[in-house]
Amino acid sequence: MDLVVSMERMPKQGETVKGEQFHTVPGGKGANQALACARLGADAALIGAVGDDAFGSMMKQQMSTNNVRTDAIATIQDAPTGIATIMHAANDNSIVIVEGANGICTPAWTERHADIIRQAQVLLVQLEIPLESVRTAMQIARDSGVLTVLNPAPYVELPDDMLQLADYITPNESEFESLTGAVYGTEEELEEGMRQWGKEGPTLIVTRGGNGVSFLKDERLHTIKAPQVEVVDTTGAGDCFNGAFSVAIASGLDLEEAVAFGIKAASLSVTKFGAQAGMPTWEEVDAG
């Protein structure tokens, strides 16, 4: 669940600023991404966990209302539903998560719902549940010939063998720098970093906020810019991109087409308040 404080500008370190509004809205990376897929017409299922509390009930209801299958969402008796505290300004946000029940989403729970993964065209994973549970899901997908999109957020150090289970990896700029241990100050440095990293890893797609999304095409950096829109709330834009990119790949689009589709969807998502409220339909993306 997202606990959102809206303000005119982000506070500096040690500074107190006056907030303008407070909202409690459904969120979480896995939930956002699953809902983004479902809004685009995919048959989406979410494997995860919530607490036996009001937030947990709200989250499951929100998923059901938006046609995300919830039979693989565990309800944990002795843990609260995970929350994200979000500071939101017009063109920026800062997020702190408390994992709650997400931290008890075990590999055994993932294995219990292995058939959901085996029957999928694409598995989309992120890192708000324990790493071993993510690895279990990715291994099931690899053994079953299911494509995997790994969104390495929130960033934790990932073992090489786990990275090799991904077909696509979608870090943002700071996450890519964490993956490589380097800082990229120019387009040329980013291109070289992506080229070096991509020699042994999955297909790399770096999301860059308002600067679009970059990937390698014929060993050269290729960036698709984000359309200009009136920004209301950037929360969930990355999740929308990941969901839309995954649906596009499952629908048979090639890499460049899937990235372009994901960017259009993400750009539409920031025109409304709330991570999930702005997730567009396929028709809206086409019209955009």
C-alpha atoms as a PDB file:
ATOM      1  CA  MET A   1       0.000   0.000   0.000  1.00  0.00           C
ATOM      2  CA  ASP A   2       1.313   3.450  -0.913  1.00  0.00           C
ATOM      3  CA  LEU A   3       1.230   6.205   1.716  1.00  0.00           C
ATOM      4  CA  VAL A   4       1.749   9.343  -0.345  1.00  0.00           C
ATOM      5  CA  VAL A   5       2.602  12.850   0.844  1.00  0.00           C
ATOM      6  CA  SER A   6       2.356  15.459  -1.930  1.00  0.00           C
ATOM      7  CA  MET A   7       4.430  18.626  -1.691  1.00  0.00           C
ATOM      8  CA  GLU A   8       5.548  21.543  -3.833  1.00  0.00           C
ATOM      9  CA  ARG A   9       9.175  20.434  -3.813  1.00  0.00           C
ATOM     10  CA  MET A  10      11.291  17.678  -2.296  1.00  0.00           C
ATOM     11  CA  PRO A  11      12.997  18.498   1.031  1.00  0.00           C
ATOM     12  CA  LYS A  12      16.759  18.834   1.217  1.00  0.00           C
ATOM     13  CA  GLN A  13      18.650  16.639   3.667  1.00  0.00           C
ATOM     14  CA  GLY A  14      17.676  17.619   7.205  1.00  0.00           C
ATOM     15  CA  GLU A  15      14.960  20.011   6.012  1.00  0.00           C
ATOM     16  CA  THR A  16      11.287  20.054   6.991  1.00  0.00           C
ATOM     17  CA  VAL A  17       8.822  21.165   4.329  1.00  0.00           C
ATOM     18  CA  LYS A  18       5.066  21.578   4.411  1.00  0.00           C
ATOM     19  CA  GLY A  19       3.054  18.876   2.689  1.00  0.00           C
ATOM     20  CA  GLU A  20      -0.042  19.675   0.671  1.00  0.00           C
ATOM     21  CA  GLN A  21      -2.015  16.409   0.631  1.00  0.00           C
ATOM     22  CA  PHE A  22      -1.881  12.862   2.005  1.00  0.00           C
ATOM     23  CA  HIS A  23      -3.298   9.845   0.171  1.00  0.00           C
ATOM     24  CA  THR A  24      -3.480   6.121   0.825  1.00  0.00           C
ATOM     25  CA  VAL A  25      -3.558   4.309  -2.521  1.00  0.00           C
ATOM     26  CA  PRO A  26      -2.873   0.725  -3.649  1.00  0.00           C
ATOM     27  CA  GLY A  27       0.685   0.183  -4.858  1.00  0.00           C
ATOM     28  CA  GLY A  28       3.757  -2.017  -4.642  1.00  0.00           C
ATOM     29  CA  LYS A  29       5.944  -2.903  -7.618  1.00  0.00           C
ATOM     30  CA  GLY A  30       4.542  -6.379  -8.183  1.00  0.00           C
ATOM     31  CA  ALA A  31       0.960  -5.188  -7.875  1.00  0.00           C
ATOM     32  CA  ASN A  32       1.585  -2.163 -10.097  1.00  0.00           C
ATOM     33  CA  GLN A  33       3.206  -4.283 -12.784  1.00  0.00           C
ATOM     34  CA  ALA A  34       0.504  -6.958 -12.677  1.00  0.00           C
ATOM     35  CA  LEU A  35      -2.234  -4.339 -12.917  1.00  0.00           C
ATOM     36  CA  ALA A  36      -0.432  -2.627 -15.801  1.00  0.00           C
ATOM     37  CA  CYS A  37      -0.388  -5.950 -17.668  1.00  0.00           C
ATOM     38  CA  ALA A  38      -4.071  -6.594 -16.966  1.00  0.00           C
ATOM     39  CA  ARG A  39      -5.132  -3.095 -18.081  1.00  0.00           C
ATOM     40  CA  LEU A  40      -3.410  -3.812 -21.389  1.00  0.00           C
ATOM     41  CA  GLY A  41      -5.518  -6.930 -21.840  1.00  0.00           C
ATOM     42  CA  ALA A  42      -3.137  -9.602 -20.559  1.00  0.00           C
ATOM     43  CA  ASP A  43      -4.255 -12.569 -18.476  1.00  0.00           C
ATOM     44  CA  ALA A  44      -2.220 -11.509 -15.431  1.00  0.00           C
ATOM     45  CA  ALA A  45      -1.671 -13.344 -12.153  1.00  0.00           C
ATOM     46  CA  LEU A  46       0.253 -12.077  -9.129  1.00  0.00           C
ATOM     47  CA  ILE A  47       2.284 -14.336  -6.825  1.00  0.00           C
ATOM     48  CA  GLY A  48       2.851 -12.512  -3.544  1.00  0.00           C
ATOM     49  CA  ALA A  49       1.625 -11.928  -0.003  1.00  0.00           C
ATOM     50  CA  VAL A  50      -0.351  -9.437   2.061  1.00  0.00           C
ATOM     51  CA  GLY A  51      -1.108  -9.187   5.754  1.00  0.00           C
ATOM     52  CA  ASP A  52      -4.399 -10.127   7.373  1.00  0.00           C
ATOM     53  CA  ASP A  53      -5.360  -6.471   7.724  1.00  0.00           C
ATOM     54  CA  ALA A  54      -7.337  -3.691   6.068  1.00  0.00           C
ATOM     55  CA  PHE A  55      -4.542  -2.822   3.647  1.00  0.00           C
ATOM     56  CA  GLY A  56      -4.291  -6.458   2.584  1.00  0.00           C
ATOM     57  CA  SER A  57      -8.016  -6.656   1.894  1.00  0.00           C
ATOM     58  CA  MET A  58      -7.881  -3.416  -0.093  1.00  0.00           C
ATOM     59  CA  MET A  59      -4.950  -4.674  -2.160  1.00  0.00           C
ATOM     60  CA  LYS A  60      -6.619  -7.974  -3.065  1.00  0.00           C
ATOM     61  CA  GLN A  61      -9.868  -6.192  -3.912  1.00  0.00           C
ATOM     62  CA  GLN A  62      -7.994  -3.731  -6.131  1.00  0.00           C
ATOM     63  CA  MET A  63      -6.334  -6.597  -8.003  1.00  0.00           C
ATOM     64  CA  SER A  64      -9.612  -8.470  -8.475  1.00  0.00           C
ATOM     65  CA  THR A  65     -11.419  -5.347  -9.666  1.00  0.00           C
ATOM     66  CA  ASN A  66      -8.738  -4.866 -12.321  1.00  0.00           C
ATOM     67  CA  ASN A  67      -8.800  -8.488 -13.521  1.00  0.00           C
ATOM     68  CA  VAL A  68      -5.557  -9.632 -11.903  1.00  0.00           C
ATOM     69  CA  ARG A  69      -5.854 -13.202 -10.629  1.00  0.00           C
ATOM     70  CA  THR A  70      -5.345 -13.291  -6.853  1.00  0.00           C
ATOM     71  CA  ASP A  71      -5.384 -17.013  -6.025  1.00  0.00           C
ATOM     72  CA  ALA A  72      -1.576 -16.947  -5.572  1.00  0.00           C
ATOM     73  CA  ILE A  73      -1.606 -14.001  -3.142  1.00  0.00           C
ATOM     74  CA  ALA A  74      -1.070 -15.394   0.357  1.00  0.00           C
ATOM     75  CA  THR A  75      -2.686 -13.786   3.397  1.00  0.00           C
ATOM     76  CA  ILE A  76      -0.167 -13.863   6.278  1.00  0.00           C
ATOM     77  CA  GLN A  77      -1.625 -13.831   9.793  1.00  0.00           C
ATOM     78  CA  ASP A  78       1.354 -12.477  11.736  1.00  0.00           C
ATOM     79  CA  ALA A  79       2.744  -9.816   9.400  1.00  0.00           C
ATOM     80  CA  PRO A  80       1.404  -6.490   8.128  1.00  0.00           C
ATOM     81  CA  THR A  81       0.829  -5.711   4.485  1.00  0.00           C
ATOM     82  CA  GLY A  82       3.913  -4.120   2.943  1.00  0.00           C
ATOM     83  CA  ILE A  83       3.842  -0.359   2.571  1.00  0.00           C
ATOM     84  CA  ALA A  84       5.706   2.306   0.638  1.00  0.00           C
ATOM     85  CA  THR A  85       6.048   5.803   2.058  1.00  0.00           C
ATOM     86  CA  ILE A  86       6.249   8.151  -0.918  1.00  0.00           C
ATOM     87  CA  MET A  87       7.238  11.805  -0.996  1.00  0.00           C
ATOM     88  CA  HIS A  88       5.744  13.196  -4.190  1.00  0.00           C
ATOM     89  CA  ALA A  89       6.505  16.474  -5.944  1.00  0.00           C
ATOM     90  CA  ALA A  90       5.388  17.511  -9.418  1.00  0.00           C
ATOM     91  CA  ASN A  91       8.292  15.976 -11.341  1.00  0.00           C
ATOM     92  CA  ASP A  92       9.947  13.719  -8.787  1.00  0.00           C
ATOM     93  CA  ASN A  93       9.392  11.250  -5.976  1.00  0.00           C
ATOM     94  CA  SER A  94      11.309   9.505  -3.220  1.00  0.00           C
ATOM     95  CA  ILE A  95      10.213   6.135  -1.825  1.00  0.00           C
ATOM     96  CA  VAL A  96      10.956   4.079   1.295  1.00  0.00           C
ATOM     97  CA  ILE A  97       9.447   0.595   1.503  1.00  0.00           C
ATOM     98  CA  VAL A  98       8.687  -1.641   4.482  1.00  0.00           C
ATOM     99  CA  GLU A  99       8.322  -5.166   3.117  1.00  0.00           C
ATOM    100  CA  GLY A 100       5.950  -6.605   5.741  1.00  0.00           C
ATOM    101  CA  ALA A 101       4.251  -9.750   4.425  1.00  0.00           C
ATOM    102  CA  ASN A 102       6.245  -9.529   1.193  1.00  0.00           C
ATOM    103  CA  GLY A 103       9.260 -10.709   3.181  1.00  0.00           C
ATOM    104  CA  ILE A 104       7.440 -13.938   4.031  1.00  0.00           C
ATOM    105  CA  CYS A 105       6.618 -14.821   0.423  1.00  0.00           C
ATOM    106  CA  THR A 106       8.754 -17.968   0.477  1.00  0.00           C
ATOM    107  CA  PRO A 107      10.248 -20.157  -2.274  1.00  0.00           C
ATOM    108  CA  ALA A 108       7.810 -22.856  -1.153  1.00  0.00           C
ATOM    109  CA  TRP A 109       4.879 -20.514  -1.855  1.00  0.00           C
ATOM    110  CA  THR A 110       6.315 -19.787  -5.289  1.00  0.00           C
ATOM    111  CA  GLU A 111       6.737 -23.511  -6.022  1.00  0.00           C
ATOM    112  CA  ARG A 112       3.163 -24.142  -4.903  1.00  0.00           C
ATOM    113  CA  HIS A 113       2.025 -21.929  -7.787  1.00  0.00           C
ATOM    114  CA  ALA A 114       4.569 -23.126 -10.341  1.00  0.00           C
ATOM    115  CA  ASP A 115       1.824 -23.969 -12.842  1.00  0.00           C
ATOM    116  CA  ILE A 116       0.953 -20.276 -13.150  1.00  0.00           C
ATOM    117  CA  ILE A 117       4.530 -19.636 -14.267  1.00  0.00           C
ATOM    118  CA  ARG A 118       4.722 -22.681 -16.546  1.00  0.00           C
ATOM    119  CA  GLN A 119       1.563 -21.622 -18.377  1.00  0.00           C
ATOM    120  CA  ALA A 120       2.716 -18.019 -18.901  1.00  0.00           C
ATOM    121  CA  GLN A 121       4.297 -16.455 -21.960  1.00  0.00           C
ATOM    122  CA  VAL A 122       6.337 -14.016 -19.865  1.00  0.00           C
ATOM    123  CA  LEU A 123       7.335 -13.965 -16.194  1.00  0.00           C
ATOM    124  CA  LEU A 124       7.898 -10.437 -14.845  1.00  0.00           C
ATOM    125  CA  VAL A 125       9.758 -10.275 -11.527  1.00  0.00           C
ATOM    126  CA  GLN A 126      11.054  -7.544  -9.226  1.00  0.00           C
ATOM    127  CA  LEU A 127      12.814  -7.615  -5.861  1.00  0.00           C
ATOM    128  CA  GLU A 128      10.244  -6.699  -3.212  1.00  0.00           C
ATOM    129  CA  ILE A 129      10.019 -10.345  -2.127  1.00  0.00           C
ATOM    130  CA  PRO A 130      12.929 -12.511  -0.870  1.00  0.00           C
ATOM    131  CA  LEU A 131      15.659 -13.097  -3.437  1.00  0.00           C
ATOM    132  CA  GLU A 132      15.407 -16.878  -3.194  1.00  0.00           C
ATOM    133  CA  SER A 133      11.703 -16.691  -4.024  1.00  0.00           C
ATOM    134  CA  VAL A 134      12.511 -14.624  -7.107  1.00  0.00           C
ATOM    135  CA  ARG A 135      15.225 -17.095  -8.092  1.00  0.00           C
ATOM    136  CA  THR A 136      12.790 -19.994  -7.685  1.00  0.00           C
ATOM    137  CA  ALA A 137      10.276 -18.323  -9.994  1.00  0.00           C
ATOM    138  CA  MET A 138      12.968 -17.568 -12.575  1.00  0.00           C
ATOM    139  CA  GLN A 139      14.283 -21.139 -12.505  1.00  0.00           C
ATOM    140  CA  ILE A 140      10.774 -22.524 -13.036  1.00  0.00           C
ATOM    141  CA  ALA A 141      10.368 -20.175 -15.997  1.00  0.00           C
ATOM    142  CA  ARG A 142      13.729 -21.127 -17.516  1.00  0.00           C
ATOM    143  CA  ASP A 143      13.004 -24.854 -17.118  1.00  0.00           C
ATOM    144  CA  SER A 144       9.623 -24.326 -18.796  1.00  0.00           C
ATOM    145  CA  GLY A 145      10.824 -22.179 -21.707  1.00  0.00           C
ATOM    146  CA  VAL A 146       9.043 -19.074 -20.387  1.00  0.00           C
ATOM    147  CA  LEU A 147      10.659 -15.688 -21.080  1.00  0.00           C
ATOM    148  CA  THR A 148      11.652 -13.719 -17.971  1.00  0.00           C
ATOM    149  CA  VAL A 149      11.827  -9.943 -17.528  1.00  0.00           C
ATOM    150  CA  LEU A 150      13.821  -8.999 -14.415  1.00  0.00           C
ATOM    151  CA  ASN A 151      13.226  -5.527 -12.994  1.00  0.00           C
ATOM    152  CA  PRO A 152      16.068  -5.235 -10.423  1.00  0.00           C
ATOM    153  CA  ALA A 153      14.257  -2.919  -8.024  1.00  0.00           C
ATOM    154  CA  PRO A 154      14.585  -2.128  -5.235  1.00  0.00           C
ATOM    155  CA  TYR A 155      18.242  -2.824  -5.964  1.00  0.00           C
ATOM    156  CA  VAL A 156      20.063  -5.602  -4.132  1.00  0.00           C
ATOM    157  CA  GLU A 157      23.267  -7.305  -5.230  1.00  0.00           C
ATOM    158  CA  LEU A 158      22.379 -10.145  -7.581  1.00  0.00           C
ATOM    159  CA  PRO A 159      24.472 -13.296  -8.058  1.00  0.00           C
ATOM    160  CA  ASP A 160      25.642 -13.982 -11.609  1.00  0.00           C
ATOM    161  CA  ASP A 161      23.782 -17.280 -11.863  1.00  0.00           C
ATOM    162  CA  MET A 162      20.519 -15.500 -11.091  1.00  0.00           C
ATOM    163  CA  LEU A 163      21.164 -12.827 -13.714  1.00  0.00           C
ATOM    164  CA  GLN A 164      21.675 -15.578 -16.281  1.00  0.00           C
ATOM    165  CA  LEU A 165      18.118 -16.804 -15.658  1.00  0.00           C
ATOM    166  CA  ALA A 166      16.724 -13.541 -17.077  1.00  0.00           C
ATOM    167  CA  ASP A 167      16.047 -12.942 -20.757  1.00  0.00           C
ATOM    168  CA  TYR A 168      15.609  -9.183 -20.286  1.00  0.00           C
ATOM    169  CA  ILE A 169      16.752  -6.928 -17.445  1.00  0.00           C
ATOM    170  CA  THR A 170      15.310  -3.432 -16.974  1.00  0.00           C
ATOM    171  CA  PRO A 171      17.264  -1.329 -14.454  1.00  0.00           C
ATOM    172  CA  ASN A 172      16.923   2.408 -14.213  1.00  0.00           C
ATOM    173  CA  GLU A 173      20.118   4.469 -14.461  1.00  0.00           C
ATOM    174  CA  SER A 174      21.020   4.293 -10.768  1.00  0.00           C
ATOM    175  CA  GLU A 175      20.281   0.560 -10.629  1.00  0.00           C
ATOM    176  CA  PHE A 176      22.480  -0.044 -13.677  1.00  0.00           C
ATOM    177  CA  GLU A 177      25.307   1.858 -12.005  1.00  0.00           C
ATOM    178  CA  SER A 178      24.836  -0.339  -8.935  1.00  0.00           C
ATOM    179  CA  LEU A 179      24.892  -3.468 -11.104  1.00  0.00           C
ATOM    180  CA  THR A 180      28.174  -2.463 -12.719  1.00  0.00           C
ATOM    181  CA  GLY A 181      29.840  -0.518  -9.913  1.00  0.00           C
ATOM    182  CA  ALA A 182      30.479   2.376 -12.298  1.00  0.00           C
ATOM    183  CA  VAL A 183      29.146   5.896 -12.894  1.00  0.00           C
ATOM    184  CA  TYR A 184      28.119   6.996 -16.386  1.00  0.00           C
ATOM    185  CA  GLY A 185      28.331  10.741 -16.924  1.00  0.00           C
ATOM    186  CA  THR A 186      27.972  10.811 -20.704  1.00  0.00           C
ATOM    187  CA  GLU A 187      26.095   8.973 -23.427  1.00  0.00           C
ATOM    188  CA  GLU A 188      29.397   7.507 -24.621  1.00  0.00           C
ATOM    189  CA  GLU A 189      30.196   6.132 -21.173  1.00  0.00           C
ATOM    190  CA  LEU A 190      26.714   4.667 -20.870  1.00  0.00           C
ATOM    191  CA  GLU A 191      27.026   3.038 -24.291  1.00  0.00           C
ATOM    192  CA  GLU A 192      30.366   1.463 -23.412  1.00  0.00           C
ATOM    193  CA  GLY A 193      29.078   0.307 -20.022  1.00  0.00           C
ATOM    194  CA  MET A 194      26.026  -1.293 -21.593  1.00  0.00           C
ATOM    195  CA  ARG A 195      28.148  -2.912 -24.287  1.00  0.00           C
ATOM    196  CA  GLN A 196      30.570  -4.407 -21.767  1.00  0.00           C
ATOM    197  CA  TRP A 197      27.837  -5.606 -19.424  1.00  0.00           C
ATOM    198  CA  GLY A 198      25.708  -6.994 -22.230  1.00  0.00           C
ATOM    199  CA  LYS A 199      28.404  -9.354 -23.482  1.00  0.00           C
ATOM    200  CA  GLU A 200      27.571 -11.952 -20.863  1.00  0.00           C
ATOM    201  CA  GLY A 201      24.172 -10.994 -19.517  1.00  0.00           C
ATOM    202  CA  PRO A 202      20.540 -10.846 -20.623  1.00  0.00           C
ATOM    203  CA  THR A 203      19.226  -8.229 -23.033  1.00  0.00           C
ATOM    204  CA  LEU A 204      19.696  -4.908 -21.245  1.00  0.00           C
ATOM    205  CA  ILE A 205      17.137  -2.096 -21.275  1.00  0.00           C
ATOM    206  CA  VAL A 206      17.944   0.986 -19.151  1.00  0.00           C
ATOM    207  CA  THR A 207      15.022   3.213 -18.200  1.00  0.00           C
ATOM    208  CA  ARG A 208      15.957   6.890 -17.893  1.00  0.00           C
ATOM    209  CA  GLY A 209      12.871   8.715 -16.673  1.00  0.00           C
ATOM    210  CA  GLY A 210      12.014  11.709 -18.816  1.00  0.00           C
ATOM    211  CA  ASN A 211      15.015  10.966 -21.038  1.00  0.00           C
ATOM    212  CA  GLY A 212      13.415   7.796 -22.359  1.00  0.00           C
ATOM    213  CA  VAL A 213      14.768   4.260 -22.527  1.00  0.00           C
ATOM    214  CA  SER A 214      18.112   3.063 -23.897  1.00  0.00           C
ATOM    215  CA  PHE A 215      19.176  -0.289 -25.319  1.00  0.00           C
ATOM    216  CA  LEU A 216      21.811  -1.586 -27.707  1.00  0.00           C
ATOM    217  CA  LYS A 217      20.964  -1.996 -31.360  1.00  0.00           C
ATOM    218  CA  ASP A 218      23.718  -3.384 -33.593  1.00  0.00           C
ATOM    219  CA  GLU A 219      26.139  -2.743 -30.712  1.00  0.00           C
ATOM    220  CA  ARG A 220      25.260   0.969 -30.669  1.00  0.00           C
ATOM    221  CA  LEU A 221      23.317   2.906 -28.042  1.00  0.00           C
ATOM    222  CA  HIS A 222      19.754   3.479 -29.160  1.00  0.00           C
ATOM    223  CA  THR A 223      17.460   5.702 -27.091  1.00  0.00           C
ATOM    224  CA  ILE A 224      13.736   6.147 -27.581  1.00  0.00           C
ATOM    225  CA  LYS A 225      12.634   9.429 -26.052  1.00  0.00           C
ATOM    226  CA  ALA A 226       9.562   9.767 -23.876  1.00  0.00           C
ATOM    227  CA  PRO A 227       6.677  11.775 -25.390  1.00  0.00           C
ATOM    228  CA  GLN A 228       6.084  15.213 -23.891  1.00  0.00           C
ATOM    229  CA  VAL A 229       3.105  15.097 -21.524  1.00  0.00           C
ATOM    230  CA  GLU A 230       1.718  17.122 -18.647  1.00  0.00           C
ATOM    231  CA  VAL A 231       3.175  15.316 -15.632  1.00  0.00           C
ATOM    232  CA  VAL A 232       0.944  14.847 -12.583  1.00  0.00           C
ATOM    233  CA  ASP A 233       2.643  11.963 -10.737  1.00  0.00           C
ATOM    234  CA  THR A 234       5.684   9.918 -11.784  1.00  0.00           C
ATOM    235  CA  THR A 235       5.084   7.201  -9.175  1.00  0.00           C
ATOM    236  CA  GLY A 236       4.677   3.843 -10.903  1.00  0.00           C
ATOM    237  CA  ALA A 237       5.931   4.987 -14.313  1.00  0.00           C
ATOM    238  CA  GLY A 238       8.731   2.431 -14.254  1.00  0.00           C
ATOM    239  CA  ASP A 239       6.298  -0.285 -13.228  1.00  0.00           C
ATOM    240  CA  CYS A 240       3.999   0.697 -16.081  1.00  0.00           C
ATOM    241  CA  PHE A 241       6.908   0.478 -18.524  1.00  0.00           C
ATOM    242  CA  ASN A 242       7.828  -2.990 -17.278  1.00  0.00           C
ATOM    243  CA  GLY A 243       4.263  -4.249 -17.507  1.00  0.00           C
ATOM    244  CA  ALA A 244       3.711  -2.786 -20.958  1.00  0.00           C
ATOM    245  CA  PHE A 245       7.088  -3.999 -22.239  1.00  0.00           C
ATOM    246  CA  SER A 246       6.307  -7.525 -21.003  1.00  0.00           C
ATOM    247  CA  VAL A 247       2.865  -7.544 -22.630  1.00  0.00           C
ATOM    248  CA  ALA A 248       4.389  -6.281 -25.874  1.00  0.00           C
ATOM    249  CA  ILE A 249       7.029  -9.036 -25.864  1.00  0.00           C
ATOM    250  CA  ALA A 250       4.337 -11.630 -25.133  1.00  0.00           C
ATOM    251  CA  SER A 251       2.332 -10.219 -28.055  1.00  0.00           C
ATOM    252  CA  GLY A 252       5.188 -10.810 -30.491  1.00  0.00           C
ATOM    253  CA  LEU A 253       6.612  -7.296 -30.838  1.00  0.00           C
ATOM    254  CA  ASP A 254      10.371  -7.068 -31.365  1.00  0.00           C
ATOM    255  CA  LEU A 255      12.681  -5.336 -28.881  1.00  0.00           C
ATOM    256  CA  GLU A 256      12.480  -1.844 -30.362  1.00  0.00           C
ATOM    257  CA  GLU A 257       8.707  -2.035 -30.829  1.00  0.00           C
ATOM    258  CA  ALA A 258       8.237  -3.328 -27.277  1.00  0.00           C
ATOM    259  CA  VAL A 259      10.381  -0.542 -25.806  1.00  0.00           C
ATOM    260  CA  ALA A 260       8.467   2.095 -27.787  1.00  0.00           C
ATOM    261  CA  PHE A 261       5.155   0.639 -26.626  1.00  0.00           C
ATOM    262  CA  GLY A 262       6.359   0.605 -23.015  1.00  0.00           C
ATOM    263  CA  ILE A 263       7.457   4.241 -23.173  1.00  0.00           C
ATOM    264  CA  LYS A 264       4.122   5.377 -24.583  1.00  0.00           C
ATOM    265  CA  ALA A 265       2.272   3.516 -21.833  1.00  0.00           C
ATOM    266  CA  ALA A 266       4.531   4.895 -19.093  1.00  0.00           C
ATOM    267  CA  SER A 267       4.159   8.442 -20.429  1.00  0.00           C
ATOM    268  CA  LEU A 268       0.385   8.145 -20.246  1.00  0.00           C
ATOM    269  CA  SER A 269       0.596   6.766 -16.704  1.00  0.00           C
ATOM    270  CA  VAL A 270       2.195   9.928 -15.295  1.00  0.00           C
ATOM    271  CA  THR A 271      -0.726  12.114 -16.385  1.00  0.00           C
ATOM    272  CA  LYS A 272      -2.857  10.867 -13.461  1.00  0.00           C
ATOM    273  CA  PHE A 273      -2.289  10.735  -9.703  1.00  0.00           C
ATOM    274  CA  GLY A 274      -1.445   7.388  -8.112  1.00  0.00           C
ATOM    275  CA  ALA A 275       0.743   4.538  -9.285  1.00  0.00           C
ATOM    276  CA  GLN A 276      -2.163   2.394 -10.474  1.00  0.00           C
ATOM    277  CA  ALA A 277      -4.830   4.918 -11.475  1.00  0.00           C
ATOM    278  CA  GLY A 278      -2.934   6.021 -14.559  1.00  0.00           C
ATOM    279  CA  MET A 279      -2.147   2.593 -16.020  1.00  0.00           C
ATOM    280  CA  PRO A 280      -3.512   2.796 -19.598  1.00  0.00           C
ATOM    281  CA  THR A 281      -5.372   0.319 -21.788  1.00  0.00           C
ATOM    282  CA  TRP A 282      -3.974  -0.953 -25.092  1.00  0.00           C
ATOM    283  CA  GLU A 283      -6.445   1.284 -26.945  1.00  0.00           C
ATOM    284  CA  GLU A 284      -5.248   4.345 -25.029  1.00  0.00           C
ATOM    285  CA  VAL A 285      -1.617   3.555 -25.853  1.00  0.00           C
ATOM    286  CA  ASP A 286      -2.485   3.094 -29.535  1.00  0.00           C
ATOM    287  CA  ALA A 287      -4.407   6.376 -29.551  1.00  0.00           C
ATOM    288  CA  GLY A 288      -1.543   8.169 -27.808  1.00  0.00           C
END
